[in-house]
Amino acid sequence: MSPPYRYEVTRSAASLHDEFASLEPGVETGTTVSVAGRIMLRRAQGKLAFATLADSTGRVQLFAPAATTPRFDEFCALSIGDWVGVAGEVMTTRRGELSVQVADWVVLAATRRSFPDKWHGLADVDTRYRQRYVDLWASDDARATALARSRTVSLTRRWLEGRGFVEVETPVFHPIPGGATARPFTTHHDALDLDLYLRVAPELFLKRLVVGGMERVFEIARVFRNEGLSTRHNPEFTMLELYQAYADYTDMMTVVEELVVHLAKEVCGTTELVYDGRPLDLAPPWRRSTMVDLIEEHIGARVGVATPIDELRKACADHGVPVDEAWGPGKLVLELYEKTVEANLWGPVFVCDYPQEVSPLARDHRDQPGMVERFEVIVAGRELGNAFSELTDPDEQRRRFEAQAALRGSGDDEAMTVDADYLRALEYGLPPTGGLGIGIDRLVMLLTGATAIRDVILFPTLRPEPGE
C-alpha cells in the first residue's frame, strides 16, 4: 500500500506534554488525537508494544496493546526511523508515562537505511556533517543548536528594527571584489559575457544606501571567501553588517555590547557562560584597549607604526612571527598582534585603533597619525566582529584603493581593486558613519558552546567523500 498524500495532525509532542502535564498514572482522558513523526525507539513485550514517536517539537510514547492495535505484528516490525501517523486516546501508563494509545496508524515514509536511535546518535563526526538530515533526529544537541541559530537571527532582526534599522538586500554577484580583504570566488554570466565575483562582504553596497539617505541599514548576508577550512572558517558563511549615519566606531562598540548581551540573556538566560570548559562573562562593560597597548602587555615592548621597520621585523622574529619583506610597518604590527595576543584574549575585549595600512575602508584616527578608527571585538580568543568609523573622503578612498590595487598587481589576491562607482557614490557625500560586521556563525558558536563552526552550519562545506 502506498503512503498517503497527506496526514491530518492535531497535536504535537510538545503540546501533548503541555496540555496533559498533570495527569496521574493510569488515566484515560477520553481525548483522541492524531500525531506524526519518526519512530525512534521500539520494544515489544508479548501482547504489548511501546514506541517513541519524535516530531520537530519533542517525543511522546506510543502505547500499543495487541487486542486493540490494528496490524499489531506489523507495528512491532516497524524500523527505527520510519515515519508514521498515529491516532488514538491520550493516556498515562501505570508508571505515569504520557502516551497515545494506538487505535489507528499508517506508515507515512519507510526508511531504507539503518537509522541510529537517540541514545547512540551518529558516532562519526564527518557523517554527522554530511548527513545532517539524520543527525538532527539522532542528536538533541544538533537540533537545539539549529533552533538556537534560528532564534539568534530572529532576535537580532527584531532588536535592530526596534532601533530604527531597516533590513535590505544587496547583490551577491559583484562586478569587482570589494568590501573586505579576502580571496573571492569567480563565476561567469554567459548572456552578458561578464566575469563576476561572489561577494566577500556587502559593505560597499550598504554604504551606497547611506549615501542614498537610508540612515540606518543592515543586512544578514551570505558571503563567500575562497579560503581554507578550519574550526573557525567555512568558505560560505553569514555576516551581519550594519551602518549608522552620524555615528562613529565608539557608537558601534555600544551596539555590539548591547546586542550580544541581549542575545545571551534571551538565548542562554544569562550573560555568565561556559565556553570550551572555561567561564566567560559577557556582562557589560567590556574592556576597551588599543592594539599597541595589548602588544606591550604580551611581549613587554611597545611598538607601533612609527617604530623603525628593522625593529619591528626583529620583534616579529623574536616572537616567532613570520614576515614578508614587502610588508610595511602597519602589516608587521598587525601580524605581531595576531600571532602573539589575539588567541590569549578571553573575556570580551574591544581591540581598538588599527594601522591604516591594513584598513583601507576605515577613517583616519582623529588623534593618531598612521592609524584608523577601527576595532575588532575579541571573545574567547577569536574575532567576533569588526567595525570602523567609515572613510568618507573620496580622494583618500581612491588613494587607498589604488594602493590595494598595486598589492593585488604584485600577487596579493586578497587585496581590493578600485571601485569607480563606489568612489562616485562618495563624491555625492557620505555623512559621518559607523559600520559594523558580526559573524553570525561565530556568534552562534559562542551562545551554544560549539567549538567548531561546522556544528552551527546545517550543511558545511566538506571535502568530497571517497569515490565521489
Protein backbone atom coordinates (compact mmCIF):
# COMPACT_ATOMS: atom_id res chain seq x y z
CA MET A 1 0.00 0.00 0.00
CA SER A 2 1.43 3.38 -0.98
CA PRO A 3 1.76 6.08 1.71
CA PRO A 4 -0.93 8.77 1.90
CA TYR A 5 -0.52 12.12 0.19
CA ARG A 6 -1.23 13.95 3.45
CA TYR A 7 -1.95 13.24 7.09
CA GLU A 8 -4.03 15.37 9.44
CA VAL A 9 -2.02 16.14 12.60
CA THR A 10 -3.96 17.58 15.54
CA ARG A 11 -1.28 17.68 18.24
CA SER A 12 2.50 17.94 18.51
CA ALA A 13 4.54 16.07 21.10
CA ALA A 14 5.27 19.30 22.95
CA SER A 15 1.62 20.37 23.02
CA LEU A 16 0.60 17.00 24.49
CA HIS A 17 3.13 17.35 27.30
CA ASP A 18 1.97 20.91 27.95
CA GLU A 19 -1.73 20.05 27.92
CA PHE A 20 -1.57 16.85 29.95
CA ALA A 21 1.39 17.50 32.23
CA SER A 22 -0.64 16.99 35.42
CA LEU A 23 -2.17 13.59 34.61
CA GLU A 24 -1.88 10.94 37.31
CA PRO A 25 -0.61 7.44 36.42
CA GLY A 26 -3.13 5.09 34.83
CA VAL A 27 -5.53 7.75 33.50
CA GLU A 28 -7.51 7.52 30.26
CA THR A 29 -8.52 11.02 29.14
CA GLY A 30 -11.13 10.25 26.51
CA THR A 31 -9.34 12.76 24.24
CA THR A 32 -8.47 11.41 20.80
CA VAL A 33 -5.58 12.97 18.91
CA SER A 34 -3.50 12.30 15.83
CA VAL A 35 0.26 12.68 15.88
CA ALA A 36 3.01 12.08 13.34
CA GLY A 37 6.78 11.72 13.31
CA ARG A 38 9.59 9.18 13.29
CA ILE A 39 9.81 6.01 15.34
CA MET A 40 12.97 6.45 17.41
CA LEU A 41 12.65 3.60 19.91
CA ARG A 42 10.54 0.46 19.83
CA ARG A 43 10.08 -2.56 22.07
CA ALA A 44 7.54 -5.39 22.31
CA GLN A 45 6.57 -7.28 25.44
CA GLY A 46 4.32 -10.16 24.45
CA LYS A 47 0.92 -8.70 23.63
CA LEU A 48 2.01 -5.13 24.32
CA ALA A 49 4.28 -2.86 22.33
CA PHE A 50 5.78 0.56 23.05
CA ALA A 51 7.40 3.04 20.72
CA THR A 52 8.82 6.55 20.98
CA LEU A 53 7.49 8.93 18.38
CA ALA A 54 9.65 12.01 17.67
CA ASP A 55 8.45 15.12 15.86
CA SER A 56 10.01 18.55 15.47
CA THR A 57 8.92 19.57 18.97
CA GLY A 58 9.87 16.57 21.08
CA ARG A 59 8.91 12.97 21.84
CA VAL A 60 5.87 11.11 23.05
CA GLN A 61 5.28 7.43 23.79
CA LEU A 62 3.00 5.22 21.71
CA PHE A 63 1.17 2.52 23.70
CA ALA A 64 0.02 -0.39 21.52
CA PRO A 65 -1.93 -3.31 23.05
CA ALA A 66 -2.28 -6.25 20.67
CA ALA A 67 -6.01 -6.52 21.35
CA THR A 68 -6.82 -3.02 20.02
CA THR A 69 -3.94 -2.13 17.71
CA PRO A 70 -4.62 -2.76 14.01
CA ARG A 71 -1.93 -4.90 12.31
CA PHE A 72 -0.16 -5.36 15.62
CA ASP A 73 2.58 -7.61 14.18
CA GLU A 74 3.36 -5.02 11.51
CA PHE A 75 3.50 -2.30 14.17
CA CYS A 76 6.00 -4.39 16.13
CA ALA A 77 8.11 -4.75 12.96
CA LEU A 78 8.44 -1.03 12.31
CA SER A 79 12.02 0.11 11.77
CA ILE A 80 13.77 2.82 13.73
CA GLY A 81 13.39 5.92 11.58
CA ASP A 82 10.07 5.05 9.93
CA TRP A 83 7.66 7.98 9.64
CA VAL A 84 4.21 7.09 10.97
CA GLY A 85 0.91 8.77 11.64
CA VAL A 86 -0.95 7.57 14.72
CA ALA A 87 -4.45 8.26 16.03
CA GLY A 88 -5.61 7.31 19.48
CA GLU A 89 -6.56 8.29 23.00
CA VAL A 90 -4.26 10.29 25.26
CA MET A 91 -3.48 8.33 28.42
CA THR A 92 -0.86 7.61 31.02
CA THR A 93 0.56 4.18 31.75
CA ARG A 94 0.66 2.70 35.23
CA ARG A 95 4.15 4.14 35.54
CA GLY A 96 2.86 7.58 34.66
CA GLU A 97 4.28 7.83 31.11
CA LEU A 98 2.19 10.13 28.92
CA SER A 99 1.20 8.12 25.86
CA VAL A 100 -1.06 7.91 22.84
CA GLN A 101 -2.85 4.55 22.77
CA VAL A 102 -2.72 3.35 19.17
CA ALA A 103 -6.18 2.98 17.66
CA ASP A 104 -5.13 3.55 14.06
CA TRP A 105 -1.76 4.04 12.37
CA VAL A 106 -0.22 4.36 8.94
CA VAL A 107 3.31 4.39 7.54
CA LEU A 108 3.99 7.81 6.02
CA ALA A 109 7.52 7.02 4.80
CA ALA A 110 9.66 3.97 5.41
CA THR A 111 13.37 4.32 6.00
CA ARG A 112 15.53 2.16 3.76
CA ARG A 113 18.73 2.78 5.67
CA SER A 114 19.82 1.86 9.14
CA PHE A 115 18.77 4.70 11.43
CA PRO A 116 20.57 5.50 14.71
CA ASP A 117 18.47 5.75 17.84
CA LYS A 118 18.52 8.76 20.17
CA TRP A 119 20.81 7.05 22.67
CA HIS A 120 23.69 6.35 20.32
CA GLY A 121 23.42 9.01 17.64
CA LEU A 122 25.94 9.21 14.84
CA ALA A 123 29.34 8.30 16.20
CA ASP A 124 31.36 9.52 13.22
CA VAL A 125 31.75 13.31 13.20
CA ASP A 126 32.19 13.53 9.43
CA THR A 127 28.99 11.54 8.89
CA ARG A 128 27.14 13.92 11.21
CA TYR A 129 28.02 16.84 8.95
CA ARG A 130 27.35 15.01 5.69
CA GLN A 131 24.07 13.50 6.86
CA ARG A 132 22.63 16.35 8.90
CA TYR A 133 19.16 15.05 7.98
CA VAL A 134 19.93 12.06 10.20
CA ASP A 135 21.97 13.91 12.83
CA LEU A 136 19.06 16.22 13.62
CA TRP A 137 16.97 13.23 14.66
CA ALA A 138 19.72 11.31 16.42
CA SER A 139 21.20 14.20 18.40
CA ASP A 140 19.24 16.50 20.65
CA ASP A 141 22.26 18.83 20.73
CA ALA A 142 22.28 19.18 16.93
CA ARG A 143 18.63 20.14 16.89
CA ALA A 144 19.00 22.52 19.82
CA THR A 145 21.90 24.26 18.07
CA ALA A 146 19.90 24.64 14.85
CA LEU A 147 16.98 26.14 16.75
CA ALA A 148 19.30 28.45 18.73
CA ARG A 149 20.76 29.74 15.48
CA SER A 150 17.32 30.45 14.06
CA ARG A 151 16.31 32.23 17.26
CA THR A 152 19.53 34.27 17.31
CA VAL A 153 18.95 35.57 13.79
CA SER A 154 15.30 36.33 14.51
CA LEU A 155 16.12 38.17 17.76
CA THR A 156 18.85 40.14 16.02
CA ARG A 157 16.44 41.34 13.34
CA ARG A 158 13.86 42.43 15.88
CA TRP A 159 16.45 44.17 18.07
CA LEU A 160 17.81 46.17 15.16
CA GLU A 161 14.38 47.03 13.77
CA GLY A 162 13.42 48.26 17.25
CA ARG A 163 16.27 50.75 16.97
CA GLY A 164 15.24 52.13 13.61
CA PHE A 165 17.43 49.96 11.36
CA VAL A 166 15.97 48.87 8.02
CA GLU A 167 16.81 45.44 6.59
CA VAL A 168 17.91 45.46 2.95
CA GLU A 169 19.22 43.07 0.34
CA THR A 170 22.27 43.81 -1.78
CA PRO A 171 23.77 41.88 -4.72
CA VAL A 172 25.53 38.55 -4.27
CA PHE A 173 27.17 38.89 -7.70
CA HIS A 174 29.71 41.73 -7.71
CA PRO A 175 31.38 43.11 -10.82
CA ILE A 176 34.61 43.57 -8.84
CA PRO A 177 35.62 42.10 -5.49
CA GLY A 178 35.48 44.56 -2.61
CA GLY A 179 34.37 45.33 0.90
CA ALA A 180 36.96 43.11 2.59
CA THR A 181 40.47 41.85 2.05
CA ALA A 182 39.69 38.27 1.04
CA ARG A 183 40.14 35.99 -1.96
CA PRO A 184 36.85 35.84 -3.92
CA PHE A 185 35.12 33.06 -5.82
CA THR A 186 34.67 33.82 -9.51
CA THR A 187 31.88 32.94 -11.91
CA HIS A 188 30.72 33.96 -15.39
CA HIS A 189 27.44 35.33 -16.73
CA ASP A 190 27.03 33.91 -20.23
CA ALA A 191 24.35 36.29 -21.54
CA LEU A 192 26.43 39.36 -20.66
CA ASP A 193 29.76 37.60 -21.26
CA LEU A 194 30.77 39.04 -17.89
CA ASP A 195 33.05 37.74 -15.17
CA LEU A 196 31.51 38.19 -11.72
CA TYR A 197 32.56 37.56 -8.14
CA LEU A 198 30.57 36.13 -5.27
CA ARG A 199 30.54 38.83 -2.62
CA VAL A 200 33.14 38.73 0.12
CA ALA A 201 31.20 41.41 2.01
CA PRO A 202 28.13 43.62 1.40
CA GLU A 203 29.88 46.71 2.79
CA LEU A 204 30.28 48.91 -0.26
CA PHE A 205 26.68 48.45 -1.39
CA LEU A 206 25.30 49.14 2.07
CA LYS A 207 27.28 52.37 2.30
CA ARG A 208 25.88 53.38 -1.09
CA LEU A 209 22.47 53.17 0.58
CA VAL A 210 23.59 55.53 3.34
CA VAL A 211 24.66 57.95 0.60
CA GLY A 212 21.12 57.47 -0.75
CA GLY A 213 19.60 58.65 2.53
CA MET A 214 18.92 55.32 4.28
CA GLU A 215 20.48 56.37 7.57
CA ARG A 216 20.33 53.02 9.40
CA VAL A 217 20.58 49.86 7.31
CA PHE A 218 21.52 46.25 7.94
CA GLU A 219 21.80 43.01 6.04
CA ILE A 220 22.14 39.45 7.28
CA ALA A 221 24.14 38.36 4.28
CA ARG A 222 25.52 35.12 2.95
CA VAL A 223 29.13 35.86 1.98
CA PHE A 224 31.77 33.79 0.22
CA ARG A 225 35.53 33.70 0.68
CA ASN A 226 37.81 31.36 -1.18
CA GLU A 227 39.77 30.27 1.86
CA GLY A 228 40.64 27.09 3.71
CA LEU A 229 38.56 25.06 6.13
CA SER A 230 39.12 25.19 9.88
CA THR A 231 37.22 25.14 13.16
CA ARG A 232 36.65 28.90 12.60
CA HIS A 233 36.30 29.14 8.83
CA ASN A 234 33.83 27.94 6.22
CA PRO A 235 34.03 29.26 2.63
CA GLU A 236 30.41 30.43 2.80
CA PHE A 237 29.15 31.97 5.99
CA THR A 238 26.68 34.51 7.34
CA MET A 239 27.55 38.07 8.23
CA LEU A 240 25.52 40.76 9.91
CA GLU A 241 26.57 44.13 8.55
CA LEU A 242 25.00 47.41 9.63
CA TYR A 243 25.67 51.09 9.00
CA GLN A 244 24.50 54.07 11.02
CA ALA A 245 24.76 57.65 9.79
CA TYR A 246 26.07 60.34 12.16
CA ALA A 247 27.88 57.69 14.25
CA ASP A 248 31.49 56.59 14.73
CA TYR A 249 33.26 53.45 15.95
CA THR A 250 32.56 54.24 19.60
CA ASP A 251 28.84 54.08 18.82
CA MET A 252 29.44 50.70 17.18
CA MET A 253 31.01 49.45 20.42
CA THR A 254 27.76 50.25 22.18
CA VAL A 255 25.75 48.44 19.50
CA VAL A 256 27.89 45.29 19.75
CA GLU A 257 27.88 45.21 23.52
CA GLU A 258 24.14 45.77 23.89
CA LEU A 259 23.19 43.36 21.09
CA VAL A 260 25.35 40.47 22.29
CA VAL A 261 24.25 40.91 25.90
CA HIS A 262 20.61 40.94 24.76
CA LEU A 263 21.10 37.75 22.77
CA ALA A 264 22.90 35.98 25.61
CA LYS A 265 20.06 36.76 28.01
CA GLU A 266 17.38 35.69 25.53
CA VAL A 267 19.06 32.56 24.15
CA CYS A 268 21.05 31.39 27.19
CA GLY A 269 19.15 33.06 30.01
CA THR A 270 22.34 34.62 31.39
CA THR A 271 25.49 36.51 30.47
CA GLU A 272 27.61 34.08 32.52
CA LEU A 273 28.51 31.37 30.02
CA VAL A 274 30.91 28.46 29.96
CA TYR A 275 32.83 28.11 26.71
CA ASP A 276 35.25 25.28 25.96
CA GLY A 277 35.31 24.43 29.67
CA ARG A 278 36.16 27.98 30.80
CA PRO A 279 33.88 30.59 32.37
CA LEU A 280 33.07 33.52 30.11
CA ASP A 281 31.23 36.55 31.45
CA LEU A 282 29.61 38.78 28.85
CA ALA A 283 28.22 41.28 31.36
CA PRO A 284 29.00 44.88 30.43
CA PRO A 285 31.04 46.97 30.40
CA TRP A 286 33.52 45.20 28.13
CA ARG A 287 37.19 46.07 28.22
CA ARG A 288 38.47 48.60 25.66
CA SER A 289 42.18 48.62 24.86
CA THR A 290 44.35 49.73 21.95
CA MET A 291 46.20 47.22 19.84
CA VAL A 292 49.60 48.69 20.75
CA ASP A 293 48.80 48.55 24.47
CA LEU A 294 47.83 44.89 24.20
CA ILE A 295 51.01 44.05 22.29
CA GLU A 296 53.04 45.73 25.01
CA GLU A 297 51.21 43.73 27.70
CA HIS A 298 52.04 40.46 25.98
CA ILE A 299 55.58 40.95 24.67
CA GLY A 300 56.87 43.57 27.12
CA ALA A 301 57.86 46.07 24.43
CA ARG A 302 55.97 48.98 22.92
CA VAL A 303 55.84 49.01 19.15
CA GLY A 304 53.69 50.85 16.63
CA VAL A 305 53.62 52.16 13.09
CA ALA A 306 56.24 54.80 13.98
CA THR A 307 58.70 52.12 15.18
CA PRO A 308 61.63 51.69 12.73
CA ILE A 309 60.85 48.82 10.43
CA ASP A 310 64.01 46.88 11.34
CA GLU A 311 62.93 46.93 14.99
CA LEU A 312 59.50 45.67 14.02
CA ARG A 313 60.98 42.84 11.98
CA LYS A 314 63.24 41.91 14.89
CA ALA A 315 60.28 41.93 17.31
CA CYS A 316 58.44 39.59 14.95
CA ALA A 317 61.47 37.30 14.68
CA ASP A 318 61.94 37.26 18.45
CA HIS A 319 58.37 36.04 18.89
CA GLY A 320 58.28 33.54 16.05
CA VAL A 321 56.15 35.65 13.71
CA PRO A 322 56.95 35.02 10.03
CA VAL A 323 57.34 38.18 7.94
CA ASP A 324 57.33 39.16 4.31
CA GLU A 325 59.86 41.71 3.09
CA ALA A 326 57.07 43.58 1.27
CA TRP A 327 55.16 44.28 4.48
CA GLY A 328 55.16 47.80 5.82
CA PRO A 329 55.07 48.79 9.50
CA GLY A 330 51.29 48.54 9.78
CA LYS A 331 51.18 44.98 8.49
CA LEU A 332 54.04 43.96 10.79
CA VAL A 333 52.26 45.43 13.83
CA LEU A 334 49.07 43.57 12.88
CA GLU A 335 50.89 40.26 12.42
CA LEU A 336 52.64 40.69 15.75
CA TYR A 337 49.29 41.29 17.44
CA GLU A 338 47.51 38.42 15.71
CA LYS A 339 50.24 35.87 16.40
CA THR A 340 51.07 36.81 20.00
CA VAL A 341 47.98 38.42 21.50
CA GLU A 342 44.62 37.60 19.95
CA ALA A 343 44.30 33.93 20.96
CA ASN A 344 45.10 34.86 24.57
CA LEU A 345 42.23 37.33 24.94
CA TRP A 346 39.33 35.58 26.68
CA GLY A 347 36.76 37.95 28.12
CA PRO A 348 35.20 40.37 25.65
CA VAL A 349 37.75 42.96 24.54
CA PHE A 350 37.39 45.81 22.06
CA VAL A 351 40.81 45.88 20.38
CA CYS A 352 40.94 49.47 19.12
CA ASP A 353 42.92 51.57 16.67
CA TYR A 354 44.45 49.66 13.75
CA PRO A 355 47.18 50.63 11.30
CA GLN A 356 45.91 52.44 8.22
CA GLU A 357 47.95 50.11 6.03
CA VAL A 358 45.68 47.15 6.84
CA SER A 359 42.38 49.08 6.99
CA PRO A 360 41.60 50.51 3.54
CA LEU A 361 37.97 51.40 4.30
CA ALA A 362 38.35 52.98 7.75
CA ARG A 363 38.68 56.67 8.54
CA ASP A 364 41.99 58.12 9.77
CA HIS A 365 42.27 58.29 13.54
CA ARG A 366 41.48 61.79 14.75
CA ASP A 367 44.48 61.78 17.16
CA GLN A 368 47.00 59.15 15.98
CA PRO A 369 48.81 59.56 12.65
CA GLY A 370 49.12 56.35 10.64
CA MET A 371 46.21 54.72 12.49
CA VAL A 372 42.49 54.45 11.79
CA GLU A 373 39.38 54.34 13.93
CA ARG A 374 38.71 50.63 13.80
CA PHE A 375 38.12 47.93 16.35
CA GLU A 376 37.73 44.20 16.43
CA VAL A 377 35.82 42.64 19.29
CA ILE A 378 37.54 39.50 20.54
CA VAL A 379 35.71 36.90 22.62
CA ALA A 380 37.16 33.54 23.69
CA GLY A 381 40.31 34.14 21.66
CA ARG A 382 38.66 34.81 18.33
CA GLU A 383 37.27 37.72 16.36
CA LEU A 384 33.53 38.15 16.72
CA GLY A 385 33.11 41.49 14.97
CA ASN A 386 34.89 44.28 13.11
CA ALA A 387 33.88 47.94 12.95
CA PHE A 388 35.04 51.32 11.64
CA SER A 389 34.44 54.96 11.65
CA GLU A 390 33.86 54.79 7.90
CA LEU A 391 36.13 56.58 5.46
CA THR A 392 34.06 59.30 3.79
CA ASP A 393 36.66 61.23 1.75
CA PRO A 394 36.51 60.08 -1.91
CA ASP A 395 40.03 61.31 -2.66
CA GLU A 396 41.55 59.41 0.25
CA GLN A 397 39.45 56.36 -0.60
CA ARG A 398 40.79 56.46 -4.15
CA ARG A 399 44.36 56.55 -2.83
CA ARG A 400 43.63 53.58 -0.58
CA PHE A 401 42.01 51.62 -3.42
CA GLU A 402 44.97 52.33 -5.69
CA ALA A 403 47.38 51.12 -3.01
CA GLN A 404 45.31 47.94 -2.70
CA ALA A 405 45.27 47.50 -6.47
CA ALA A 406 49.07 47.76 -6.51
CA LEU A 407 49.26 44.99 -3.91
CA ARG A 408 46.90 42.90 -6.00
CA GLY A 409 49.04 43.52 -9.05
CA SER A 410 52.08 42.26 -7.18
CA GLY A 411 50.37 38.98 -6.33
CA ASP A 412 48.20 39.64 -3.27
CA ASP A 413 44.91 38.07 -4.43
CA GLU A 414 43.15 39.12 -1.21
CA ALA A 415 43.71 42.84 -1.88
CA MET A 416 40.91 45.06 -3.17
CA THR A 417 40.58 46.76 -6.54
CA VAL A 418 39.47 50.28 -7.48
CA ASP A 419 35.67 50.51 -7.30
CA ALA A 420 34.94 53.51 -9.52
CA ASP A 421 31.20 53.50 -8.88
CA TYR A 422 31.69 53.46 -5.11
CA LEU A 423 34.04 56.43 -5.45
CA ARG A 424 31.38 58.19 -7.50
CA ALA A 425 28.88 57.50 -4.70
CA LEU A 426 31.26 59.02 -2.14
CA GLU A 427 31.52 62.12 -4.31
CA TYR A 428 27.80 62.68 -3.71
CA GLY A 429 28.60 62.74 0.02
CA LEU A 430 28.68 60.09 2.74
CA PRO A 431 27.91 61.60 6.16
CA PRO A 432 29.90 60.52 9.22
CA THR A 433 29.02 56.86 9.50
CA GLY A 434 29.75 53.97 11.82
CA GLY A 435 29.85 50.49 10.30
CA LEU A 436 29.90 47.07 11.91
CA GLY A 437 30.18 43.45 10.83
CA ILE A 438 29.48 40.47 13.12
CA GLY A 439 29.97 36.85 12.10
CA ILE A 440 26.65 35.14 12.80
CA ASP A 441 28.24 31.68 12.79
CA ARG A 442 30.80 32.64 15.44
CA LEU A 443 28.12 34.40 17.45
CA VAL A 444 26.04 31.21 17.48
CA MET A 445 29.13 29.21 18.43
CA LEU A 446 29.55 31.49 21.42
CA LEU A 447 25.92 31.20 22.52
CA THR A 448 25.69 27.42 22.08
CA GLY A 449 29.16 26.47 23.30
CA ALA A 450 30.14 24.97 19.93
CA THR A 451 33.90 24.92 19.31
CA ALA A 452 33.73 24.12 15.58
CA ILE A 453 31.96 26.28 13.01
CA ARG A 454 30.62 23.18 11.27
CA ASP A 455 28.48 22.46 14.32
CA VAL A 456 26.47 25.66 13.79
CA ILE A 457 26.11 25.45 9.99
CA LEU A 458 23.50 22.94 8.91
CA PHE A 459 25.32 22.00 5.71
CA PRO A 460 29.00 23.00 5.98
CA THR A 461 31.45 22.77 3.11
CA LEU A 462 33.20 19.39 3.20
CA ARG A 463 35.84 17.58 1.24
CA PRO A 464 34.41 15.11 -1.27
CA GLU A 465 33.58 11.66 0.03
CA PRO A 466 35.92 8.90 -1.15
CA GLY A 467 34.78 7.75 -4.57
CA GLU A 468 32.95 10.97 -5.44
